[in-house]
């Protein structure tokens, strides 16, 4: 009797957990960011065990000649709710929040650099230590009355299939 080969996904069903390390997380976010064009954005979020509102996040807005990055500041997520290391963000080239941009901010030149900076800002600057708690989504900025549109690709590494 010959046994037919069985795919792991058939045994486990449609949901196969993917365990990512930091490099894998950055690579997947870079691949998603590479698809974005001017007028679109990506937001990277960290699911906290305590359920902060908002949860720590970083985001990137794609423009025709640069990519603007932000990581949530104390204006929106107080250090008493979730830790922040302002010194680590400053050392990594992030600019302090101000009147115009209320989050920590900086620019990037590529999708790869964007992914690396967004993840590192959360990891080092906002103490987000578990790569399995990261998720990201993409969208378009509002134009007129449509209010912006999501891009139908949301990925959570620990639950990707």
Protein backbone atom coordinates (compact mmCIF):
# COMPACT_ATOMS: atom_id res chain seq x y z
CA UNK A 1 0.00 0.00 0.00
CA UNK A 2 1.34 3.45 -0.96
CA UNK A 3 0.47 6.51 1.09
CA UNK A 4 -0.29 9.72 -0.75
CA UNK A 5 1.71 12.75 0.32
CA UNK A 6 -0.26 15.11 2.57
CA UNK A 7 0.33 18.83 2.74
CA UNK A 8 0.75 20.32 6.19
CA UNK A 9 -2.00 22.85 5.43
CA UNK A 10 -4.44 19.99 4.77
CA UNK A 11 -3.66 18.50 8.16
CA UNK A 12 -3.86 21.78 10.04
CA UNK A 13 -6.70 23.31 8.05
CA UNK A 14 -6.51 26.69 6.38
CA UNK A 15 -4.84 28.49 9.28
CA UNK A 16 -1.11 27.89 9.52
CA UNK A 17 0.82 29.90 12.08
CA UNK A 18 3.97 31.61 10.85
CA UNK A 19 6.57 32.37 13.50
CA UNK A 20 8.62 35.37 12.43
CA UNK A 21 11.86 36.63 13.83
CA UNK A 22 12.79 40.31 13.54
CA UNK A 23 14.40 39.93 10.10
CA UNK A 24 11.38 38.05 8.74
CA UNK A 25 9.01 40.67 10.14
CA UNK A 26 10.94 43.51 8.50
CA UNK A 27 11.12 41.60 5.21
CA UNK A 28 7.36 41.04 5.08
CA UNK A 29 6.62 44.68 5.89
CA UNK A 30 9.17 45.77 3.25
CA UNK A 31 7.45 43.58 0.64
CA UNK A 32 4.09 45.16 1.51
CA UNK A 33 5.56 48.68 1.52
CA UNK A 34 7.21 48.09 -1.86
CA UNK A 35 3.74 47.87 -3.43
CA UNK A 36 2.64 51.28 -2.14
CA UNK A 37 2.46 54.40 -4.30
CA UNK A 38 2.05 58.13 -3.59
CA UNK A 39 -1.19 58.79 -1.73
CA UNK A 40 -1.03 55.48 0.13
CA UNK A 41 0.14 54.52 3.61
CA UNK A 42 1.10 51.58 5.79
CA UNK A 43 0.48 51.40 9.52
CA UNK A 44 2.30 48.93 11.77
CA UNK A 45 0.63 48.13 15.09
CA UNK A 46 1.66 46.23 18.20
CA UNK A 47 -0.95 44.24 20.13
CA UNK A 48 -0.36 44.86 23.80
CA UNK A 49 -1.34 42.35 26.46
CA UNK A 50 -2.89 45.20 28.46
CA UNK A 51 -4.95 46.50 25.53
CA UNK A 52 -3.72 50.11 25.45
CA UNK A 53 -5.86 52.54 23.47
CA UNK A 54 -4.32 53.32 21.12
CA UNK A 55 -1.85 50.48 20.91
CA UNK A 56 1.72 51.40 19.93
CA UNK A 57 1.94 52.12 16.21
CA UNK A 58 4.22 53.47 13.53
CA UNK A 59 3.19 54.55 10.06
CA UNK A 60 4.54 55.65 6.70
CA UNK A 61 2.99 57.97 4.13
CA UNK A 62 4.20 57.57 0.57
CA UNK A 63 4.73 60.77 -1.43
CA UNK A 64 6.10 61.21 -4.95
CA UNK A 65 9.65 62.02 -3.82
CA UNK A 66 9.95 60.75 -0.24
CA UNK A 67 8.39 58.54 2.45
CA UNK A 68 7.36 60.23 5.71
CA UNK A 69 7.52 58.02 8.80
CA UNK A 70 5.93 58.53 12.21
CA UNK A 71 5.90 56.64 15.49
CA UNK A 72 3.27 57.37 18.13
CA UNK A 73 4.30 60.01 20.66
CA UNK A 74 3.25 60.71 24.20
CA UNK A 75 0.57 63.05 22.82
CA UNK A 76 -1.47 59.98 21.78
CA UNK A 77 0.01 57.21 23.95
CA UNK A 78 1.29 58.43 27.31
CA UNK A 79 4.46 56.92 28.76
CA UNK A 80 2.36 55.99 31.81
CA UNK A 81 0.29 53.69 29.53
CA UNK A 82 3.17 52.23 27.50
CA UNK A 83 6.90 52.95 27.85
CA UNK A 84 8.81 55.23 25.53
CA UNK A 85 12.56 55.64 25.12
CA UNK A 86 12.97 59.13 23.64
CA UNK A 87 16.75 58.81 23.73
CA UNK A 88 16.67 55.66 21.56
CA UNK A 89 14.43 57.41 19.02
CA UNK A 90 16.68 60.48 18.91
CA UNK A 91 19.80 58.30 18.46
CA UNK A 92 18.08 56.56 15.54
CA UNK A 93 17.49 59.87 13.76
CA UNK A 94 13.85 60.49 14.68
CA UNK A 95 12.74 64.10 15.21
CA UNK A 96 10.84 65.06 18.34
CA UNK A 97 7.12 65.79 18.10
CA UNK A 98 6.18 69.40 17.55
CA UNK A 99 3.26 71.64 16.67
CA UNK A 100 3.06 70.55 13.02
CA UNK A 101 3.80 66.83 13.44
CA UNK A 102 2.65 65.61 16.85
CA UNK A 103 4.35 62.21 16.52
CA UNK A 104 8.05 61.35 16.32
CA UNK A 105 8.95 61.61 12.62
CA UNK A 106 11.64 61.17 9.98
CA UNK A 107 11.89 60.41 6.26
CA UNK A 108 13.00 57.30 4.41
CA UNK A 109 14.11 56.60 0.84
CA UNK A 110 13.01 53.01 0.22
CA UNK A 111 10.54 50.31 1.23
CA UNK A 112 13.35 48.34 2.90
CA UNK A 113 14.49 51.34 4.95
CA UNK A 114 10.84 52.14 5.79
CA UNK A 115 10.19 48.66 7.16
CA UNK A 116 13.40 48.61 9.17
CA UNK A 117 12.79 52.04 10.71
CA UNK A 118 9.11 51.41 11.51
CA UNK A 119 9.87 48.12 13.28
CA UNK A 120 12.97 49.41 15.08
CA UNK A 121 11.14 52.52 16.32
CA UNK A 122 8.50 50.35 17.95
CA UNK A 123 10.98 47.77 19.17
CA UNK A 124 13.54 50.13 20.69
CA UNK A 125 11.60 53.38 21.14
CA UNK A 126 8.27 51.99 22.37
CA UNK A 127 9.44 48.70 23.99
CA UNK A 128 7.54 46.38 21.66
CA UNK A 129 9.61 43.24 22.21
CA UNK A 130 7.62 40.40 20.62
CA UNK A 131 7.65 40.18 16.79
CA UNK A 132 4.57 37.91 16.94
CA UNK A 133 2.44 40.81 18.25
CA UNK A 134 3.02 42.99 15.17
CA UNK A 135 0.46 43.47 12.41
CA UNK A 136 0.18 45.92 9.55
CA UNK A 137 -2.31 47.23 7.06
CA UNK A 138 -2.25 49.53 4.07
CA UNK A 139 -4.67 52.13 2.73
CA UNK A 140 -5.15 55.24 0.62
CA UNK A 141 -5.51 58.78 1.88
CA UNK A 142 -8.89 60.49 1.57
CA UNK A 143 -9.54 62.24 -1.73
CA UNK A 144 -12.79 64.15 -1.81
CA UNK A 145 -15.75 62.61 0.00
CA UNK A 146 -14.69 58.93 -0.13
CA UNK A 147 -12.79 59.17 3.18
CA UNK A 148 -9.93 57.02 1.91
CA UNK A 149 -9.98 53.35 1.08
CA UNK A 150 -8.31 50.36 2.70
CA UNK A 151 -6.07 48.22 0.56
CA UNK A 152 -7.38 44.72 0.98
CA UNK A 153 -4.27 43.16 2.43
CA UNK A 154 -3.91 42.95 6.18
CA UNK A 155 -1.34 40.60 7.63
CA UNK A 156 -0.70 39.48 11.16
CA UNK A 157 2.47 37.36 11.12
CA UNK A 158 1.44 34.91 13.82
CA UNK A 159 -1.76 34.13 11.94
CA UNK A 160 -0.71 34.43 8.29
CA UNK A 161 -1.48 31.48 6.10
